[in-house]
PDB file of all heavy atoms in Angstrom:
ATOM      1  N   PRO A   1      -6.802  28.610  93.987  1.00  0.00           N
ATOM      2  CA  PRO A   1      -5.724  29.195  94.784  1.00  0.00           C
ATOM      3  C   PRO A   1      -4.713  29.990  93.972  1.00  0.00           C
ATOM      4  O   PRO A   1      -4.000  30.819  94.527  1.00  0.00           O
ATOM      5  CB  PRO A   1      -5.070  27.970  95.427  1.00  0.00           C
ATOM      6  CG  PRO A   1      -5.402  26.834  94.510  1.00  0.00           C
ATOM      7  CD  PRO A   1      -6.766  27.135  93.986  1.00  0.00           C
ATOM      8  N   HIS A   2      -4.680  29.787  92.646  1.00  0.00           N
ATOM      9  CA  HIS A   2      -3.683  30.487  91.818  1.00  0.00           C
ATOM     10  C   HIS A   2      -4.274  31.692  91.102  1.00  0.00           C
ATOM     11  O   HIS A   2      -3.594  32.325  90.303  1.00  0.00           O
ATOM     12  CB  HIS A   2      -3.094  29.515  90.777  1.00  0.00           C
ATOM     13  CG  HIS A   2      -2.411  28.332  91.396  1.00  0.00           C
ATOM     14  ND1 HIS A   2      -1.204  28.418  92.035  1.00  0.00           N
ATOM     15  CD2 HIS A   2      -2.807  27.046  91.496  1.00  0.00           C
ATOM     16  CE1 HIS A   2      -0.853  27.219  92.483  1.00  0.00           C
ATOM     17  NE2 HIS A   2      -1.809  26.384  92.175  1.00  0.00           N
ATOM     18  N   GLU A   3      -5.517  32.009  91.410  1.00  0.00           N
ATOM     19  CA  GLU A   3      -6.165  33.120  90.718  1.00  0.00           C
ATOM     20  C   GLU A   3      -6.103  34.358  91.603  1.00  0.00           C
ATOM     21  O   GLU A   3      -6.436  34.309  92.785  1.00  0.00           O
ATOM     22  CB  GLU A   3      -7.616  32.763  90.408  1.00  0.00           C
ATOM     23  CG  GLU A   3      -8.331  33.821  89.578  1.00  0.00           C
ATOM     24  CD  GLU A   3      -9.730  33.372  89.215  1.00  0.00           C
ATOM     25  OE1 GLU A   3     -10.110  32.269  89.622  1.00  0.00           O
ATOM     26  OE2 GLU A   3     -10.427  34.150  88.541  1.00  0.00           O
ATOM     27  N   ASP A   4      -5.695  35.507  91.040  1.00  0.00           N
ATOM     28  CA  ASP A   4      -5.620  36.727  91.838  1.00  0.00           C
ATOM     29  C   ASP A   4      -6.958  37.458  91.805  1.00  0.00           C
ATOM     30  O   ASP A   4      -7.925  37.003  91.207  1.00  0.00           O
ATOM     31  CB  ASP A   4      -4.486  37.631  91.342  1.00  0.00           C
ATOM     32  CG  ASP A   4      -4.668  38.031  89.876  1.00  0.00           C
ATOM     33  OD1 ASP A   4      -5.833  38.078  89.417  1.00  0.00           O
ATOM     34  OD2 ASP A   4      -3.655  38.291  89.203  1.00  0.00           O
ATOM     35  N   ALA A   5      -7.010  38.620  92.471  1.00  0.00           N
ATOM     36  CA  ALA A   5      -8.269  39.345  92.611  1.00  0.00           C
ATOM     37  C   ALA A   5      -8.808  39.828  91.277  1.00  0.00           C
ATOM     38  O   ALA A   5     -10.006  40.056  91.124  1.00  0.00           O
ATOM     39  CB  ALA A   5      -8.084  40.531  93.557  1.00  0.00           C
ATOM     40  N   SER A   6      -7.952  40.030  90.297  1.00  0.00           N
ATOM     41  CA  SER A   6      -8.416  40.509  88.997  1.00  0.00           C
ATOM     42  C   SER A   6      -9.043  39.403  88.168  1.00  0.00           C
ATOM     43  O   SER A   6      -9.643  39.654  87.135  1.00  0.00           O
ATOM     44  CB  SER A   6      -7.235  41.119  88.218  1.00  0.00           C
ATOM     45  OG  SER A   6      -6.293  40.106  87.891  1.00  0.00           O
ATOM     46  N   GLY A   7      -8.894  38.165  88.618  1.00  0.00           N
ATOM     47  CA  GLY A   7      -9.461  37.059  87.868  1.00  0.00           C
ATOM     48  C   GLY A   7      -8.462  36.378  86.967  1.00  0.00           C
ATOM     49  O   GLY A   7      -8.792  35.411  86.299  1.00  0.00           O
ATOM     50  N   SER A   8      -7.201  36.877  86.909  1.00  0.00           N
ATOM     51  CA  SER A   8      -6.198  36.260  86.044  1.00  0.00           C
ATOM     52  C   SER A   8      -5.588  35.054  86.739  1.00  0.00           C
ATOM     53  O   SER A   8      -5.611  34.937  87.955  1.00  0.00           O
ATOM     54  CB  SER A   8      -5.105  37.272  85.698  1.00  0.00           C
ATOM     55  OG  SER A   8      -4.445  37.694  86.888  1.00  0.00           O
ATOM     56  N   ARG A   9      -4.980  34.155  85.930  1.00  0.00           N
ATOM     57  CA  ARG A   9      -4.381  32.940  86.465  1.00  0.00           C
ATOM     58  C   ARG A   9      -2.949  32.802  85.950  1.00  0.00           C
ATOM     59  O   ARG A   9      -2.611  33.295  84.886  1.00  0.00           O
ATOM     60  CB  ARG A   9      -5.173  31.704  86.019  1.00  0.00           C
ATOM     61  CG  ARG A   9      -6.492  31.546  86.734  1.00  0.00           C
ATOM     62  CD  ARG A   9      -7.223  30.336  86.178  1.00  0.00           C
ATOM     63  NE  ARG A   9      -8.375  30.029  87.017  1.00  0.00           N
ATOM     64  CZ  ARG A   9      -8.336  29.210  88.043  1.00  0.00           C
ATOM     65  NH1 ARG A   9      -7.206  28.613  88.358  1.00  0.00           N
ATOM     66  NH2 ARG A   9      -9.422  28.979  88.768  1.00  0.00           N
ATOM     67  N   SER A  10      -2.169  32.091  86.731  1.00  0.00           N
ATOM     68  CA  SER A  10      -0.829  31.759  86.260  1.00  0.00           C
ATOM     69  C   SER A  10      -0.943  30.636  85.246  1.00  0.00           C
ATOM     70  O   SER A  10      -1.959  29.943  85.173  1.00  0.00           O
ATOM     71  CB  SER A  10       0.029  31.297  87.444  1.00  0.00           C
ATOM     72  OG  SER A  10      -0.478  30.087  87.962  1.00  0.00           O
ATOM     73  N   ASP A  11       0.113  30.446  84.465  1.00  0.00           N
ATOM     74  CA  ASP A  11       0.082  29.414  83.435  1.00  0.00           C
ATOM     75  C   ASP A  11      -0.085  28.022  84.023  1.00  0.00           C
ATOM     76  O   ASP A  11      -0.609  27.111  83.378  1.00  0.00           O
ATOM     77  CB  ASP A  11       1.360  29.462  82.590  1.00  0.00           C
ATOM     78  CG  ASP A  11       1.424  30.735  81.765  1.00  0.00           C
ATOM     79  OD1 ASP A  11       0.361  31.342  81.527  1.00  0.00           O
ATOM     80  OD2 ASP A  11       2.545  31.111  81.376  1.00  0.00           O
ATOM     81  N   SER A  12       0.374  27.837  85.269  1.00  0.00           N
ATOM     82  CA  SER A  12       0.332  26.506  85.866  1.00  0.00           C
ATOM     83  C   SER A  12      -1.017  26.209  86.512  1.00  0.00           C
ATOM     84  O   SER A  12      -1.280  25.085  86.916  1.00  0.00           O
ATOM     85  CB  SER A  12       1.421  26.367  86.929  1.00  0.00           C
ATOM     86  OG  SER A  12       1.226  27.326  87.963  1.00  0.00           O
ATOM     87  N   ALA A  13      -1.871  27.222  86.639  1.00  0.00           N
ATOM     88  CA  ALA A  13      -3.152  27.013  87.317  1.00  0.00           C
ATOM     89  C   ALA A  13      -4.138  26.341  86.367  1.00  0.00           C
ATOM     90  O   ALA A  13      -4.129  26.594  85.172  1.00  0.00           O
ATOM     91  CB  ALA A  13      -3.731  28.344  87.771  1.00  0.00           C
ATOM     92  N   PRO A  14      -5.015  25.485  86.877  1.00  0.00           N
ATOM     93  CA  PRO A  14      -6.028  24.869  86.023  1.00  0.00           C
ATOM     94  C   PRO A  14      -7.041  25.903  85.572  1.00  0.00           C
ATOM     95  O   PRO A  14      -7.224  26.937  86.204  1.00  0.00           O
ATOM     96  CB  PRO A  14      -6.679  23.834  86.949  1.00  0.00           C
ATOM     97  CG  PRO A  14      -6.447  24.368  88.328  1.00  0.00           C
ATOM     98  CD  PRO A  14      -5.118  25.060  88.260  1.00  0.00           C
ATOM     99  N   GLU A  15      -7.699  25.641  84.463  1.00  0.00           N
ATOM    100  CA  GLU A  15      -8.718  26.549  83.975  1.00  0.00           C
ATOM    101  C   GLU A  15      -9.868  26.641  84.972  1.00  0.00           C
ATOM    102  O   GLU A  15     -10.242  25.661  85.597  1.00  0.00           O
ATOM    103  CB  GLU A  15      -9.258  26.048  82.627  1.00  0.00           C
ATOM    104  CG  GLU A  15      -8.244  26.115  81.504  1.00  0.00           C
ATOM    105  CD  GLU A  15      -7.874  27.546  81.191  1.00  0.00           C
ATOM    106  OE1 GLU A  15      -8.762  28.421  81.264  1.00  0.00           O
ATOM    107  OE2 GLU A  15      -6.699  27.777  80.888  1.00  0.00           O
ATOM    108  N   LEU A  16     -10.468  27.809  85.108  1.00  0.00           N
ATOM    109  CA  LEU A  16     -11.569  28.008  86.037  1.00  0.00           C
ATOM    110  C   LEU A  16     -12.753  27.128  85.683  1.00  0.00           C
ATOM    111  O   LEU A  16     -13.410  26.569  86.546  1.00  0.00           O
ATOM    112  CB  LEU A  16     -11.996  29.479  86.039  1.00  0.00           C
ATOM    113  CG  LEU A  16     -13.146  29.851  86.995  1.00  0.00           C
ATOM    114  CD1 LEU A  16     -12.753  29.537  88.424  1.00  0.00           C
ATOM    115  CD2 LEU A  16     -13.519  31.307  86.826  1.00  0.00           C
ATOM    116  N   SER A  17     -13.019  26.997  84.384  1.00  0.00           N
ATOM    117  CA  SER A  17     -14.155  26.179  83.978  1.00  0.00           C
ATOM    118  C   SER A  17     -13.970  24.741  84.423  1.00  0.00           C
ATOM    119  O   SER A  17     -14.923  24.074  84.805  1.00  0.00           O
ATOM    120  CB  SER A  17     -14.335  26.241  82.460  1.00  0.00           C
ATOM    121  OG  SER A  17     -13.171  25.760  81.810  1.00  0.00           O
ATOM    122  N   SER A  18     -12.761  24.234  84.392  1.00  0.00           N
ATOM    123  CA  SER A  18     -12.490  22.875  84.849  1.00  0.00           C
ATOM    124  C   SER A  18     -12.719  22.768  86.346  1.00  0.00           C
ATOM    125  O   SER A  18     -13.287  21.790  86.835  1.00  0.00           O
ATOM    126  CB  SER A  18     -11.059  22.487  84.503  1.00  0.00           C
ATOM    127  OG  SER A  18     -10.741  21.218  85.045  1.00  0.00           O
ATOM    128  N   PHE A  19     -12.272  23.781  87.093  1.00  0.00           N
ATOM    129  CA  PHE A  19     -12.469  23.784  88.549  1.00  0.00           C
ATOM    130  C   PHE A  19     -13.954  23.801  88.873  1.00  0.00           C
ATOM    131  O   PHE A  19     -14.441  23.058  89.721  1.00  0.00           O
ATOM    132  CB  PHE A  19     -11.777  24.997  89.157  1.00  0.00           C
ATOM    133  CG  PHE A  19     -11.995  25.137  90.639  1.00  0.00           C
ATOM    134  CD1 PHE A  19     -11.274  24.359  91.529  1.00  0.00           C
ATOM    135  CD2 PHE A  19     -12.926  26.042  91.132  1.00  0.00           C
ATOM    136  CE1 PHE A  19     -11.471  24.480  92.890  1.00  0.00           C
ATOM    137  CE2 PHE A  19     -13.133  26.170  92.494  1.00  0.00           C
ATOM    138  CZ  PHE A  19     -12.399  25.389  93.372  1.00  0.00           C
ATOM    139  N   GLU A  20     -14.696  24.657  88.190  1.00  0.00           N
ATOM    140  CA  GLU A  20     -16.140  24.741  88.419  1.00  0.00           C
ATOM    141  C   GLU A  20     -16.819  23.424  88.066  1.00  0.00           C
ATOM    142  O   GLU A  20     -17.720  22.965  88.769  1.00  0.00           O
ATOM    143  CB  GLU A  20     -16.741  25.873  87.580  1.00  0.00           C
ATOM    144  CG  GLU A  20     -16.340  27.256  88.054  1.00  0.00           C
ATOM    145  CD  GLU A  20     -16.819  28.325  87.099  1.00  0.00           C
ATOM    146  OE1 GLU A  20     -17.233  27.981  85.978  1.00  0.00           O
ATOM    147  OE2 GLU A  20     -16.761  29.494  87.479  1.00  0.00           O
ATOM    148  N   SER A  21     -16.372  22.830  86.968  1.00  0.00           N
ATOM    149  CA  SER A  21     -16.984  21.579  86.544  1.00  0.00           C
ATOM    150  C   SER A  21     -16.784  20.488  87.583  1.00  0.00           C
ATOM    151  O   SER A  21     -17.708  19.749  87.911  1.00  0.00           O
ATOM    152  CB  SER A  21     -16.383  21.146  85.198  1.00  0.00           C
ATOM    153  OG  SER A  21     -16.913  19.910  84.786  1.00  0.00           O
ATOM    154  N   GLU A  22     -15.572  20.379  88.119  1.00  0.00           N
ATOM    155  CA  GLU A  22     -15.301  19.360  89.128  1.00  0.00           C
ATOM    156  C   GLU A  22     -16.084  19.641  90.399  1.00  0.00           C
ATOM    157  O   GLU A  22     -16.596  18.723  91.042  1.00  0.00           O
ATOM    158  CB  GLU A  22     -13.802  19.313  89.430  1.00  0.00           C
ATOM    159  CG  GLU A  22     -12.951  18.753  88.302  1.00  0.00           C
ATOM    160  CD  GLU A  22     -13.377  17.345  87.928  1.00  0.00           C
ATOM    161  OE1 GLU A  22     -13.623  16.526  88.848  1.00  0.00           O
ATOM    162  OE2 GLU A  22     -13.497  17.063  86.731  1.00  0.00           O
ATOM    163  N   THR A  23     -16.174  20.927  90.786  1.00  0.00           N
ATOM    164  CA  THR A  23     -16.937  21.278  91.980  1.00  0.00           C
ATOM    165  C   THR A  23     -18.409  20.942  91.799  1.00  0.00           C
ATOM    166  O   THR A  23     -19.043  20.352  92.671  1.00  0.00           O
ATOM    167  CB  THR A  23     -16.790  22.779  92.282  1.00  0.00           C
ATOM    168  OG1 THR A  23     -15.408  23.084  92.485  1.00  0.00           O
ATOM    169  CG2 THR A  23     -17.564  23.167  93.532  1.00  0.00           C
ATOM    170  N   SER A  24     -18.969  21.293  90.654  1.00  0.00           N
ATOM    171  CA  SER A  24     -20.369  21.005  90.385  1.00  0.00           C
ATOM    172  C   SER A  24     -20.610  19.501  90.361  1.00  0.00           C
ATOM    173  O   SER A  24     -21.613  19.011  90.888  1.00  0.00           O
ATOM    174  CB  SER A  24     -20.789  21.611  89.046  1.00  0.00           C
ATOM    175  OG  SER A  24     -20.668  23.011  89.078  1.00  0.00           O
ATOM    176  N   ARG A  25     -19.697  18.766  89.758  1.00  0.00           N
ATOM    177  CA  ARG A  25     -19.831  17.309  89.679  1.00  0.00           C
ATOM    178  C   ARG A  25     -19.854  16.697  91.076  1.00  0.00           C
ATOM    179  O   ARG A  25     -20.663  15.827  91.380  1.00  0.00           O
ATOM    180  CB  ARG A  25     -18.691  16.717  88.857  1.00  0.00           C
ATOM    181  CG  ARG A  25     -18.763  15.197  88.696  1.00  0.00           C
ATOM    182  CD  ARG A  25     -17.639  14.676  87.823  1.00  0.00           C
ATOM    183  NE  ARG A  25     -17.778  15.167  86.467  1.00  0.00           N
ATOM    184  CZ  ARG A  25     -16.907  15.951  85.874  1.00  0.00           C
ATOM    185  NH1 ARG A  25     -15.840  16.368  86.516  1.00  0.00           N
ATOM    186  NH2 ARG A  25     -17.095  16.346  84.637  1.00  0.00           N
ATOM    187  N   PHE A  26     -18.966  17.159  91.937  1.00  0.00           N
ATOM    188  CA  PHE A  26     -18.910  16.639  93.295  1.00  0.00           C
ATOM    189  C   PHE A  26     -20.192  16.963  94.056  1.00  0.00           C
ATOM    190  O   PHE A  26     -20.753  16.105  94.745  1.00  0.00           O
ATOM    191  CB  PHE A  26     -17.708  17.235  94.031  1.00  0.00           C
ATOM    192  CG  PHE A  26     -17.684  16.908  95.497  1.00  0.00           C
ATOM    193  CD1 PHE A  26     -17.255  15.664  95.941  1.00  0.00           C
ATOM    194  CD2 PHE A  26     -18.105  17.832  96.432  1.00  0.00           C
ATOM    195  CE1 PHE A  26     -17.251  15.353  97.287  1.00  0.00           C
ATOM    196  CE2 PHE A  26     -18.106  17.541  97.785  1.00  0.00           C
ATOM    197  CZ  PHE A  26     -17.666  16.291  98.207  1.00  0.00           C
ATOM    198  N   VAL A  27     -20.660  18.199  93.932  1.00  0.00           N
ATOM    199  CA  VAL A  27     -21.867  18.617  94.647  1.00  0.00           C
ATOM    200  C   VAL A  27     -23.067  17.800  94.192  1.00  0.00           C
ATOM    201  O   VAL A  27     -23.865  17.317  95.003  1.00  0.00           O
ATOM    202  CB  VAL A  27     -22.127  20.121  94.444  1.00  0.00           C
ATOM    203  CG1 VAL A  27     -23.497  20.505  95.003  1.00  0.00           C
ATOM    204  CG2 VAL A  27     -21.034  20.938  95.110  1.00  0.00           C
ATOM    205  N   VAL A  28     -23.220  17.626  92.886  1.00  0.00           N
ATOM    206  CA  VAL A  28     -24.353  16.887  92.353  1.00  0.00           C
ATOM    207  C   VAL A  28     -24.291  15.425  92.782  1.00  0.00           C
ATOM    208  O   VAL A  28     -25.286  14.841  93.211  1.00  0.00           O
ATOM    209  CB  VAL A  28     -24.403  16.997  90.819  1.00  0.00           C
ATOM    210  CG1 VAL A  28     -25.450  16.050  90.247  1.00  0.00           C
ATOM    211  CG2 VAL A  28     -24.719  18.423  90.410  1.00  0.00           C
ATOM    212  N   GLN A  29     -23.112  14.823  92.685  1.00  0.00           N
ATOM    213  CA  GLN A  29     -22.962  13.428  93.092  1.00  0.00           C
ATOM    214  C   GLN A  29     -23.330  13.261  94.568  1.00  0.00           C
ATOM    215  O   GLN A  29     -24.043  12.321  94.940  1.00  0.00           O
ATOM    216  CB  GLN A  29     -21.520  12.969  92.873  1.00  0.00           C
ATOM    217  CG  GLN A  29     -21.262  11.541  93.336  1.00  0.00           C
ATOM    218  CD  GLN A  29     -19.821  11.118  93.097  1.00  0.00           C
ATOM    219  OE1 GLN A  29     -19.192  11.567  92.143  1.00  0.00           O
ATOM    220  NE2 GLN A  29     -19.314  10.266  93.958  1.00  0.00           N
ATOM    221  N   LYS A  30     -22.872  14.164  95.401  1.00  0.00           N
ATOM    222  CA  LYS A  30     -23.158  14.100  96.829  1.00  0.00           C
ATOM    223  C   LYS A  30     -24.660  14.223  97.095  1.00  0.00           C
ATOM    224  O   LYS A  30     -25.230  13.476  97.903  1.00  0.00           O
ATOM    225  CB  LYS A  30     -22.402  15.203  97.566  1.00  0.00           C
ATOM    226  CG  LYS A  30     -22.537  15.192  99.087  1.00  0.00           C
ATOM    227  CD  LYS A  30     -21.605  16.229  99.693  1.00  0.00           C
ATOM    228  CE  LYS A  30     -21.679  16.201 101.208  1.00  0.00           C
ATOM    229  NZ  LYS A  30     -22.969  16.676 101.716  1.00  0.00           N
TER     230      LYS A  30
END
């Protein structure tokens, strides 16, 4: 939610790789 169209993030936003990792982990577990 904190990433704009250019792909940049605010300092307070979590890293994209962390978000992807959590999403992948949830999908695989399910």
